[in-house]
C-alpha atoms as a PDB file:
ATOM      1  CA  MET A   1      -0.151  -0.116  -0.096  1.00  0.00           C
ATOM      2  CA  SER A   2       1.681   3.605  -0.835  1.00  0.00           C
ATOM      3  CA  ASP A   3       2.059   5.884   1.544  1.00  0.00           C
ATOM      4  CA  SER A   4      -0.639   8.216  -0.253  1.00  0.00           C
ATOM      5  CA  PHE A   5      -3.443   5.233   0.102  1.00  0.00           C
ATOM      6  CA  ALA A   6      -2.082   5.113   3.238  1.00  0.00           C
ATOM      7  CA  LEU A   7      -2.943   8.321   4.632  1.00  0.00           C
ATOM      8  CA  GLN A   8      -5.957   8.849   2.479  1.00  0.00           C
ATOM      9  CA  ALA A   9      -7.406   5.429   4.995  1.00  0.00           C
ATOM     10  CA  VAL A  10      -6.303   7.113   7.894  1.00  0.00           C
ATOM     11  CA  ALA A  11      -8.282  10.667   6.653  1.00  0.00           C
ATOM     12  CA  GLY A  12     -11.657   8.380   5.979  1.00  0.00           C
ATOM     13  CA  GLU A  13     -11.664   6.802   9.397  1.00  0.00           C
ATOM     14  CA  THR A  14     -13.782   8.255  12.455  1.00  0.00           C
ATOM     15  CA  TYR A  15     -12.580   9.780  15.099  1.00  0.00           C
ATOM     16  CA  SER A  16     -13.555   9.265  19.101  1.00  0.00           C
ATOM     17  CA  PHE A  17     -12.378  12.554  19.284  1.00  0.00           C
ATOM     18  CA  GLN A  18     -14.833  14.711  17.372  1.00  0.00           C
ATOM     19  CA  SER A  19     -17.871  12.942  19.012  1.00  0.00           C
ATOM     20  CA  GLU A  20     -16.873  14.232  22.740  1.00  0.00           C
ATOM     21  CA  SER A  21     -18.936  16.451  24.756  1.00  0.00           C
ATOM     22  CA  ILE A  22     -18.455  19.933  25.688  1.00  0.00           C
ATOM     23  CA  THR A  23     -17.480  18.780  29.051  1.00  0.00           C
ATOM     24  CA  GLU A  24     -15.208  16.965  27.889  1.00  0.00           C
ATOM     25  CA  ALA A  25     -13.651  19.259  25.792  1.00  0.00           C
ATOM     26  CA  LYS A  26     -13.084  21.963  28.423  1.00  0.00           C
ATOM     27  CA  GLU A  27     -11.620  19.438  30.987  1.00  0.00           C
ATOM     28  CA  ILE A  28      -8.851  18.616  28.430  1.00  0.00           C
ATOM     29  CA  SER A  29      -8.269  22.186  27.709  1.00  0.00           C
ATOM     30  CA  MET A  30      -7.935  23.042  30.648  1.00  0.00           C
ATOM     31  CA  ARG A  31      -5.318  19.733  31.426  1.00  0.00           C
ATOM     32  CA  GLN A  32      -3.568  21.080  28.278  1.00  0.00           C
ATOM     33  CA  GLY A  33      -3.154  24.710  29.658  1.00  0.00           C
ATOM     34  CA  VAL A  34      -1.383  23.519  32.740  1.00  0.00           C
ATOM     35  CA  GLU A  35       0.994  21.196  30.892  1.00  0.00           C
ATOM     36  CA  GLY A  36       1.532  23.878  28.792  1.00  0.00           C
ATOM     37  CA  GLU A  37       2.638  25.716  31.731  1.00  0.00           C
ATOM     38  CA  ALA A  38       4.692  23.177  33.523  1.00  0.00           C
ATOM     39  CA  ASN A  39       6.496  22.405  29.799  1.00  0.00           C
ATOM     40  CA  GLY A  40       7.279  25.868  29.608  1.00  0.00           C
ATOM     41  CA  TRP A  41       8.908  25.840  33.182  1.00  0.00           C
ATOM     42  CA  SER A  42      10.509  22.939  31.976  1.00  0.00           C
ATOM     43  CA  ARG A  43      12.199  24.024  28.744  1.00  0.00           C
ATOM     44  CA  LEU A  44      12.673  27.190  30.644  1.00  0.00           C
ATOM     45  CA  TRP A  45      15.079  25.304  33.306  1.00  0.00           C
ATOM     46  CA  ALA A  46      16.821  23.232  30.490  1.00  0.00           C
ATOM     47  CA  ALA A  47      17.994  26.100  28.646  1.00  0.00           C
ATOM     48  CA  VAL A  48      19.520  27.498  31.484  1.00  0.00           C
ATOM     49  CA  SER A  49      21.150  24.011  32.585  1.00  0.00           C
ATOM     50  CA  ARG A  50      21.918  24.362  29.124  1.00  0.00           C
ATOM     51  CA  VAL A  51      24.243  27.678  28.758  1.00  0.00           C
ATOM     52  CA  GLY A  52      25.537  26.681  32.111  1.00  0.00           C
ATOM     53  CA  GLY A  53      26.414  23.630  30.874  1.00  0.00           C
ATOM     54  CA  VAL A  54      27.888  25.494  27.808  1.00  0.00           C
ATOM     55  CA  VAL A  55      29.875  27.974  29.919  1.00  0.00           C
ATOM     56  CA  THR A  56      31.311  25.181  32.197  1.00  0.00           C
ATOM     57  CA  MET A  57      32.910  23.260  28.818  1.00  0.00           C
ATOM     58  CA  MET A  58      34.217  26.680  27.101  1.00  0.00           C
ATOM     59  CA  ALA A  59      35.945  27.689  30.299  1.00  0.00           C
ATOM     60  CA  ALA A  60      37.300  23.908  31.041  1.00  0.00           C
ATOM     61  CA  LEU A  61      38.907  24.426  27.183  1.00  0.00           C
ATOM     62  CA  VAL A  62      40.527  28.051  28.086  1.00  0.00           C
ATOM     63  CA  ALA A  63      41.882  26.591  31.393  1.00  0.00           C
ATOM     64  CA  VAL A  64      43.426  23.393  29.245  1.00  0.00           C
ATOM     65  CA  ALA A  65      44.791  26.233  26.897  1.00  0.00           C
ATOM     66  CA  VAL A  66      46.715  28.277  29.402  1.00  0.00           C
ATOM     67  CA  ALA A  67      46.865  25.999  32.639  1.00  0.00           C
ATOM     68  CA  PRO A  68      50.386  25.363  31.683  1.00  0.00           C
ATOM     69  CA  ALA A  69      51.398  29.177  31.646  1.00  0.00           C
ATOM     70  CA  VAL A  70      49.330  29.727  35.310  1.00  0.00           C
ATOM     71  CA  LEU A  71      50.554  26.978  37.085  1.00  0.00           C
ATOM     72  CA  LEU A  72      54.196  26.889  36.352  1.00  0.00           C
ATOM     73  CA  PRO A  73      55.190  30.049  34.190  1.00  0.00           C
ATOM     74  CA  ASP A  74      59.141  29.674  36.033  1.00  0.00           C
ATOM     75  CA  VAL A  75      59.483  26.216  36.244  1.00  0.00           C
ATOM     76  CA  ALA A  76      61.768  26.129  33.026  1.00  0.00           C
ATOM     77  CA  VAL A  77      64.297  29.585  34.155  1.00  0.00           C
ATOM     78  CA  ALA A  78      64.344  27.562  37.504  1.00  0.00           C
ATOM     79  CA  GLN A  79      65.532  24.474  36.036  1.00  0.00           C
ATOM     80  CA  ASP A  80      67.901  26.673  33.481  1.00  0.00           C
ATOM     81  CA  ASP A  81      69.542  28.495  36.452  1.00  0.00           C
ATOM     82  CA  ALA A  82      70.389  25.126  38.363  1.00  0.00           C
ATOM     83  CA  ALA A  83      71.980  24.218  35.300  1.00  0.00           C
ATOM     84  CA  ALA A  84      74.056  27.141  34.590  1.00  0.00           C
ATOM     85  CA  ASP A  85      75.428  26.594  38.673  1.00  0.00           C
ATOM     86  CA  ASP A  86      75.868  23.195  37.762  1.00  0.00           C
ATOM     87  CA  SER A  87      77.726  23.867  34.883  1.00  0.00           C
ATOM     88  CA  GLY A  88      79.436  27.124  35.819  1.00  0.00           C
ATOM     89  CA  ASP A  89      78.052  29.047  33.085  1.00  0.00           C
ATOM     90  CA  GLU A  90      76.650  32.435  33.905  1.00  0.00           C
ATOM     91  CA  GLY A  91      73.549  34.050  31.388  1.00  0.00           C
ATOM     92  CA  GLY A  92      71.458  30.737  30.794  1.00  0.00           C
ATOM     93  CA  GLY A  93      67.921  32.602  30.166  1.00  0.00           C
ATOM     94  CA  GLY A  94      65.115  31.349  30.943  1.00  0.00           C
ATOM     95  CA  GLU A  95      62.611  30.000  28.188  1.00  0.00           C
ATOM     96  CA  SER A  96      58.854  30.599  28.594  1.00  0.00           C
ATOM     97  CA  ALA A  97      56.478  27.813  29.642  1.00  0.00           C
ATOM     98  CA  LEU A  98      55.415  26.828  26.200  1.00  0.00           C
ATOM     99  CA  VAL A  99      58.190  25.969  24.679  1.00  0.00           C
ATOM    100  CA  TYR A 100      59.334  23.939  27.429  1.00  0.00           C
ATOM    101  CA  TYR A 101      56.138  21.619  27.669  1.00  0.00           C
ATOM    102  CA  ALA A 102      56.602  21.579  23.616  1.00  0.00           C
ATOM    103  CA  ARG A 103      60.196  20.549  24.802  1.00  0.00           C
ATOM    104  CA  ALA A 104      59.356  17.680  27.455  1.00  0.00           C
ATOM    105  CA  LEU A 105      56.764  16.338  25.173  1.00  0.00           C
ATOM    106  CA  GLY A 106      59.174  15.539  22.455  1.00  0.00           C
ATOM    107  CA  TRP A 107      58.022  14.541  18.659  1.00  0.00           C
ATOM    108  CA  VAL A 108      56.310  11.719  19.285  1.00  0.00           C
ATOM    109  CA  PHE A 109      54.322  12.808  22.600  1.00  0.00           C
ATOM    110  CA  GLY A 110      54.026  16.478  21.717  1.00  0.00           C
ATOM    111  CA  PRO A 111      52.189  16.228  18.124  1.00  0.00           C
ATOM    112  CA  ALA A 112      49.894  13.493  19.408  1.00  0.00           C
ATOM    113  CA  PHE A 113      48.483  15.615  22.545  1.00  0.00           C
ATOM    114  CA  LEU A 114      47.973  18.210  19.626  1.00  0.00           C
ATOM    115  CA  LEU A 115      45.575  16.125  17.682  1.00  0.00           C
ATOM    116  CA  LEU A 116      43.833  14.750  20.645  1.00  0.00           C
ATOM    117  CA  SER A 117      43.326  18.601  21.997  1.00  0.00           C
ATOM    118  CA  PHE A 118      41.792  19.544  18.280  1.00  0.00           C
ATOM    119  CA  PHE A 119      39.602  16.291  18.185  1.00  0.00           C
ATOM    120  CA  LEU A 120      38.266  16.918  21.194  1.00  0.00           C
ATOM    121  CA  VAL A 121      37.655  20.393  20.626  1.00  0.00           C
ATOM    122  CA  SER A 122      35.824  19.688  17.185  1.00  0.00           C
ATOM    123  CA  ILE A 123      33.704  16.864  18.820  1.00  0.00           C
ATOM    124  CA  LEU A 124      32.336  19.345  21.232  1.00  0.00           C
ATOM    125  CA  VAL A 125      31.309  22.081  18.696  1.00  0.00           C
ATOM    126  CA  MET A 126      29.889  19.348  16.675  1.00  0.00           C
ATOM    127  CA  CYS A 127      27.535  18.028  19.534  1.00  0.00           C
ATOM    128  CA  LEU A 128      26.959  21.809  20.657  1.00  0.00           C
ATOM    129  CA  LEU A 129      25.520  22.697  17.530  1.00  0.00           C
ATOM    130  CA  GLN A 130      23.383  19.342  17.035  1.00  0.00           C
ATOM    131  CA  ILE A 131      22.188  18.294  20.266  1.00  0.00           C
ATOM    132  CA  ARG A 132      19.942  21.245  20.819  1.00  0.00           C
ATOM    133  CA  ARG A 133      16.333  21.320  20.931  1.00  0.00           C
ATOM    134  CA  ALA A 134      15.876  23.732  18.014  1.00  0.00           C
ATOM    135  CA  VAL A 135      17.912  20.982  16.007  1.00  0.00           C
ATOM    136  CA  VAL A 136      16.557  18.285  17.271  1.00  0.00           C
ATOM    137  CA  MET A 137      12.665  19.042  17.806  1.00  0.00           C
ATOM    138  CA  PRO A 138      12.407  22.300  15.761  1.00  0.00           C
ATOM    139  CA  ASP A 139       9.365  24.668  17.115  1.00  0.00           C
ATOM    140  CA  ALA A 140       8.176  25.520  13.243  1.00  0.00           C
ATOM    141  CA  LEU A 141       8.625  22.357  12.594  1.00  0.00           C
ATOM    142  CA  ARG A 142       6.330  20.771  15.151  1.00  0.00           C
ATOM    143  CA  SER A 143       3.604  23.961  14.753  1.00  0.00           C
ATOM    144  CA  GLU A 144       2.802  23.381  11.411  1.00  0.00           C
ATOM    145  CA  PHE A 145       2.799  19.367  11.407  1.00  0.00           C
ATOM    146  CA  GLU A 146      -0.027  19.945  14.453  1.00  0.00           C
ATOM    147  CA  ALA A 147      -1.718  22.340  12.477  1.00  0.00           C
ATOM    148  CA  LEU A 148      -1.888  20.271   9.358  1.00  0.00           C
ATOM    149  CA  LEU A 149      -3.080  17.261  11.432  1.00  0.00           C
ATOM    150  CA  ASP A 150      -5.862  19.856  13.224  1.00  0.00           C
ATOM    151  CA  ALA A 151      -6.992  20.641   9.547  1.00  0.00           C
ATOM    152  CA  LYS A 152      -6.911  17.025   8.727  1.00  0.00           C
ATOM    153  CA  GLU A 153      -4.568  17.148   5.482  1.00  0.00           C
ATOM    154  CA  TYR A 154      -2.970  13.924   6.931  1.00  0.00           C
ATOM    155  CA  GLN A 155      -1.396  13.481   3.508  1.00  0.00           C
ATOM    156  CA  GLN A 156       0.392  17.193   3.777  1.00  0.00           C
ATOM    157  CA  ALA A 157       1.454  16.429   7.430  1.00  0.00           C
ATOM    158  CA  TYR A 158       3.322  13.058   6.603  1.00  0.00           C
ATOM    159  CA  GLU A 159       5.536  14.520   3.390  1.00  0.00           C
ATOM    160  CA  LEU A 160       6.427  17.802   6.254  1.00  0.00           C
ATOM    161  CA  VAL A 161       8.025  15.557   8.537  1.00  0.00           C
ATOM    162  CA  LYS A 162       8.844  12.732   5.522  1.00  0.00           C
ATOM    163  CA  GLU A 163      11.319  15.428   3.643  1.00  0.00           C
ATOM    164  CA  ASP A 164      12.523  16.768   7.264  1.00  0.00           C
ATOM    165  CA  ASN A 165      16.226  15.478   8.356  1.00  0.00           C
ATOM    166  CA  SER A 166      15.675  16.295  12.141  1.00  0.00           C
ATOM    167  CA  TYR A 167      15.189  13.268  14.885  1.00  0.00           C
ATOM    168  CA  PHE A 168      11.770  15.024  15.721  1.00  0.00           C
ATOM    169  CA  GLY A 169      10.679  14.815  11.684  1.00  0.00           C
ATOM    170  CA  LYS A 170      11.658  11.602  11.107  1.00  0.00           C
ATOM    171  CA  VAL A 171      10.612   9.412  14.272  1.00  0.00           C
ATOM    172  CA  MET A 172       7.241  11.414  12.882  1.00  0.00           C
ATOM    173  CA  ALA A 173       7.634   9.958  10.113  1.00  0.00           C
ATOM    174  CA  ALA A 174       8.157   6.571  11.174  1.00  0.00           C
ATOM    175  CA  GLY A 175       4.584   6.586  12.996  1.00  0.00           C
ATOM    176  CA  MET A 176       2.193   8.125  10.517  1.00  0.00           C
ATOM    177  CA  ALA A 177       4.346   5.559   7.217  1.00  0.00           C
ATOM    178  CA  LYS A 178       2.389   3.243  10.337  1.00  0.00           C
ATOM    179  CA  ILE A 179      -0.981   4.442  11.014  1.00  0.00           C
ATOM    180  CA  GLN A 180      -2.873   2.553   8.670  1.00  0.00           C
ATOM    181  CA  SER A 181      -1.731  -0.932  10.536  1.00  0.00           C
ATOM    182  CA  GLY A 182      -3.074   0.476  13.594  1.00  0.00           C
ATOM    183  CA  TYR A 183      -2.089   2.859  16.469  1.00  0.00           C
ATOM    184  CA  PRO A 184       0.048   0.448  18.658  1.00  0.00           C
ATOM    185  CA  ILE A 185       1.907  -0.475  15.641  1.00  0.00           C
ATOM    186  CA  ALA A 186       2.681   3.025  14.889  1.00  0.00           C
ATOM    187  CA  VAL A 187       3.743   4.346  18.452  1.00  0.00           C
ATOM    188  CA  GLU A 188       6.036   1.016  18.341  1.00  0.00           C
ATOM    189  CA  ALA A 189       6.956   2.447  14.889  1.00  0.00           C
ATOM    190  CA  MET A 190       8.068   5.886  16.254  1.00  0.00           C
ATOM    191  CA  ARG A 191       9.989   4.800  19.572  1.00  0.00           C
ATOM    192  CA  ASP A 192      11.768   2.267  17.382  1.00  0.00           C
ATOM    193  CA  ALA A 193      12.793   5.336  15.068  1.00  0.00           C
ATOM    194  CA  GLY A 194      13.418   7.169  18.001  1.00  0.00           C
ATOM    195  CA  ALA A 195      16.026   5.023  19.440  1.00  0.00           C
ATOM    196  CA  GLU A 196      17.743   4.479  16.478  1.00  0.00           C
ATOM    197  CA  GLN A 197      17.897   8.338  16.266  1.00  0.00           C
ATOM    198  CA  GLY A 198      19.067   8.472  20.129  1.00  0.00           C
ATOM    199  CA  MET A 199      21.936   6.076  19.147  1.00  0.00           C
ATOM    200  CA  ALA A 200      23.319   8.108  16.297  1.00  0.00           C
ATOM    201  CA  LEU A 201      23.816  11.358  18.591  1.00  0.00           C
ATOM    202  CA  GLU A 202      24.915   8.969  21.554  1.00  0.00           C
ATOM    203  CA  HIS A 203      27.515   7.407  19.125  1.00  0.00           C
ATOM    204  CA  LYS A 204      28.565  11.021  18.506  1.00  0.00           C
ATOM    205  CA  ILE A 205      29.130  11.946  22.153  1.00  0.00           C
ATOM    206  CA  SER A 206      31.217   8.485  22.696  1.00  0.00           C
ATOM    207  CA  TYR A 207      33.868  10.034  20.849  1.00  0.00           C
ATOM    208  CA  ILE A 208      34.361  12.557  24.141  1.00  0.00           C
ATOM    209  CA  SER A 209      34.425   9.986  26.460  1.00  0.00           C
ATOM    210  CA  LEU A 210      36.683   8.501  24.427  1.00  0.00           C
ATOM    211  CA  VAL A 211      39.120  10.947  24.383  1.00  0.00           C
ATOM    212  CA  GLY A 212      38.318  11.514  28.075  1.00  0.00           C
ATOM    213  CA  ALA A 213      39.777   7.718  28.382  1.00  0.00           C
ATOM    214  CA  ILE A 214      42.925   7.478  25.982  1.00  0.00           C
ATOM    215  CA  ALA A 215      44.666  11.132  27.337  1.00  0.00           C
ATOM    216  CA  PRO A 216      45.787   9.937  31.193  1.00  0.00           C
ATOM    217  CA  MET A 217      46.723   6.707  29.603  1.00  0.00           C
ATOM    218  CA  LEU A 218      48.742   8.653  26.986  1.00  0.00           C
ATOM    219  CA  GLY A 219      50.204  10.549  29.762  1.00  0.00           C
ATOM    220  CA  LEU A 220      50.990   7.641  31.809  1.00  0.00           C
ATOM    221  CA  LEU A 221      52.813   5.845  29.133  1.00  0.00           C
ATOM    222  CA  GLY A 222      54.813   9.294  28.866  1.00  0.00           C
ATOM    223  CA  THR A 223      55.402   8.689  32.205  1.00  0.00           C
ATOM    224  CA  VAL A 224      56.753   5.398  31.827  1.00  0.00           C
ATOM    225  CA  SER A 225      59.032   6.380  29.251  1.00  0.00           C
ATOM    226  CA  GLY A 226      60.699   9.656  30.497  1.00  0.00           C
ATOM    227  CA  MET A 227      61.374   7.667  33.997  1.00  0.00           C
ATOM    228  CA  VAL A 228      62.627   5.239  31.641  1.00  0.00           C
ATOM    229  CA  GLY A 229      64.827   6.910  29.975  1.00  0.00           C
ATOM    230  CA  SER A 230      66.312   8.733  33.551  1.00  0.00           C
ATOM    231  CA  PHE A 231      66.771   5.609  34.606  1.00  0.00           C
ATOM    232  CA  GLN A 232      68.611   4.368  31.516  1.00  0.00           C
ATOM    233  CA  VAL A 233      70.808   7.666  31.888  1.00  0.00           C
ATOM    234  CA  ILE A 234      71.730   6.480  35.442  1.00  0.00           C
ATOM    235  CA  ALA A 235      72.408   2.917  34.332  1.00  0.00           C
ATOM    236  CA  GLN A 236      74.965   4.182  31.446  1.00  0.00           C
ATOM    237  CA  SER A 237      76.695   6.551  33.395  1.00  0.00           C
ATOM    238  CA  ALA A 238      80.238   5.561  35.245  1.00  0.00           C
ATOM    239  CA  THR A 239      79.962   7.898  38.002  1.00  0.00           C
ATOM    240  CA  ALA A 240      76.343  10.089  39.505  1.00  0.00           C
ATOM    241  CA  PRO A 241      74.784  12.028  36.663  1.00  0.00           C
ATOM    242  CA  LYS A 242      73.897  15.375  37.080  1.00  0.00           C
ATOM    243  CA  PRO A 243      70.351  16.482  37.761  1.00  0.00           C
ATOM    244  CA  SER A 244      70.242  18.724  34.230  1.00  0.00           C
ATOM    245  CA  GLU A 245      71.440  14.891  32.284  1.00  0.00           C
ATOM    246  CA  LEU A 246      68.258  13.506  34.245  1.00  0.00           C
ATOM    247  CA  ALA A 247      65.645  16.650  33.829  1.00  0.00           C
ATOM    248  CA  THR A 248      64.833  15.290  29.889  1.00  0.00           C
ATOM    249  CA  GLY A 249      63.242  12.047  31.020  1.00  0.00           C
ATOM    250  CA  ILE A 250      61.831  13.443  34.174  1.00  0.00           C
ATOM    251  CA  SER A 251      60.518  16.595  32.615  1.00  0.00           C
ATOM    252  CA  GLN A 252      58.794  14.188  30.265  1.00  0.00           C
ATOM    253  CA  ALA A 253      56.987  12.309  32.778  1.00  0.00           C
ATOM    254  CA  LEU A 254      55.691  15.119  34.294  1.00  0.00           C
ATOM    255  CA  VAL A 255      54.319  16.884  31.940  1.00  0.00           C
ATOM    256  CA  THR A 256      52.650  13.965  29.894  1.00  0.00           C
ATOM    257  CA  THR A 257      50.957  13.218  32.986  1.00  0.00           C
ATOM    258  CA  LEU A 258      50.254  16.834  33.494  1.00  0.00           C
ATOM    259  CA  VAL A 259      48.810  17.126  29.399  1.00  0.00           C
ATOM    260  CA  GLY A 260      46.910  13.801  30.118  1.00  0.00           C
ATOM    261  CA  ILE A 261      44.921  14.524  32.752  1.00  0.00           C
ATOM    262  CA  MET A 262      44.177  18.640  32.161  1.00  0.00           C
ATOM    263  CA  LEU A 263      42.721  17.248  28.667  1.00  0.00           C
ATOM    264  CA  ALA A 264      40.535  14.068  30.537  1.00  0.00           C
ATOM    265  CA  ILE A 265      38.956  16.248  33.117  1.00  0.00           C
ATOM    266  CA  PRO A 266      37.008  18.564  30.486  1.00  0.00           C
ATOM    267  CA  ALA A 267      36.333  15.279  28.035  1.00  0.00           C
ATOM    268  CA  ILE A 268      34.641  13.713  30.819  1.00  0.00           C
ATOM    269  CA  ALA A 269      32.695  16.713  32.541  1.00  0.00           C
ATOM    270  CA  ALA A 270      31.390  17.263  29.030  1.00  0.00           C
ATOM    271  CA  PHE A 271      30.561  13.777  27.867  1.00  0.00           C
ATOM    272  CA  ALA A 272      28.262  14.151  31.359  1.00  0.00           C
ATOM    273  CA  LEU A 273      26.813  17.377  30.437  1.00  0.00           C
ATOM    274  CA  LEU A 274      25.932  16.176  26.966  1.00  0.00           C
ATOM    275  CA  LYS A 275      24.641  12.703  27.980  1.00  0.00           C
ATOM    276  CA  ASN A 276      22.270  14.214  30.391  1.00  0.00           C
ATOM    277  CA  TRP A 277      21.071  16.640  27.483  1.00  0.00           C
ATOM    278  CA  LEU A 278      20.615  13.568  24.682  1.00  0.00           C
ATOM    279  CA  GLN A 279      18.742  11.734  27.114  1.00  0.00           C
ATOM    280  CA  THR A 280      16.098  15.108  28.459  1.00  0.00           C
ATOM    281  CA  LEU A 281      15.351  15.442  24.308  1.00  0.00           C
ATOM    282  CA  ASN A 282      14.833  12.379  24.003  1.00  0.00           C
ATOM    283  CA  ALA A 283      12.030  12.426  26.538  1.00  0.00           C
ATOM    284  CA  ASP A 284      10.892  15.632  25.350  1.00  0.00           C
ATOM    285  CA  VAL A 285      10.242  13.973  21.481  1.00  0.00           C
ATOM    286  CA  ASP A 286       9.020  10.913  23.011  1.00  0.00           C
ATOM    287  CA  THR A 287       6.540  12.750  24.977  1.00  0.00           C
ATOM    288  CA  GLU A 288       5.224  15.272  22.301  1.00  0.00           C
ATOM    289  CA  SER A 289       5.376  12.729  19.376  1.00  0.00           C
ATOM    290  CA  THR A 290       3.190  10.169  21.377  1.00  0.00           C
ATOM    291  CA  ARG A 291       1.089  13.616  22.290  1.00  0.00           C
ATOM    292  CA  LEU A 292       0.349  14.225  19.104  1.00  0.00           C
ATOM    293  CA  MET A 293      -0.193  10.956  17.532  1.00  0.00           C
ATOM    294  CA  SER A 294      -2.492  10.026  20.473  1.00  0.00           C
ATOM    295  CA  ARG A 295      -5.216  11.615  17.952  1.00  0.00           C
ATOM    296  CA  PHE A 296      -5.141   8.766  16.192  1.00  0.00           C
ATOM    297  CA  GLN A 297      -5.972   6.124  18.960  1.00  0.00           C
ATOM    298  CA  ALA A 298      -9.195   4.900  17.137  1.00  0.00           C
ATOM    299  CA  VAL A 299      -7.353   3.889  14.363  1.00  0.00           C
ATOM    300  CA  GLY A 300      -7.634  -0.190  13.659  1.00  0.00           C
ATOM    301  CA  LYS A 301     -10.218  -0.597  16.709  1.00  0.00           C
ATOM    302  CA  LYS A 302     -13.151  -2.262  15.851  1.00  0.00           C
END
């Protein structure tokens, strides 16, 4: 059966809500008003929470960028002064914290952490752009779809959501395509489509969690590598090595651990916030789609 024929069959049904009494209609209107007010407060709180989450994640990213210079601004200078005292040389000017970090990370861990940080920022930006109510469930689409249903323009309503690529559009299109088979089957089709769309968004969020797991492990690898290098210097030296000879390995061990943790903290925090937002949006789409589809409850009943 084609989509057009299916929707025409739906349009020919006699729905029970058309024969409701005036008293029942008033009760429904009052209940919808109360629910609308509650939904308004819920949306306001969700918007405030999202803004707070975005500010938190942006602050975390800024902290990752500026923390080295703030936490250890003079560490390289102190190291250079100690090396100059040991060797008897004078002059030994210091270097910035950024240069010190780059030198300590080396040509292996430096590019690795740089690529990991770029990947984290790009995934965060993509998720913040896609996991929003305006994208997942556009108000314009929902309002136009409901207006078409009220006008009993079922074929136009189906075409509207079928051509839309949003989360809400795909869920409603799946339900409208199955409405000729009965209301329970349509609701099941909507929930299957919702689960599929939610899984796709959750799959994108999981990459943030992956960064939160890989970053500290990469830092631990740098720690082990640096300590192995320092002990190798000790083992190959006939006399007690100078501190400056051990500084390279120790610097790598400490800096890689620090950078790994600095990347993991905002990644874990962002993953938790985005996952909570997605769960809220999943619930909102499910509630709204069920409400709109509830007018077809009489379809398929004998």
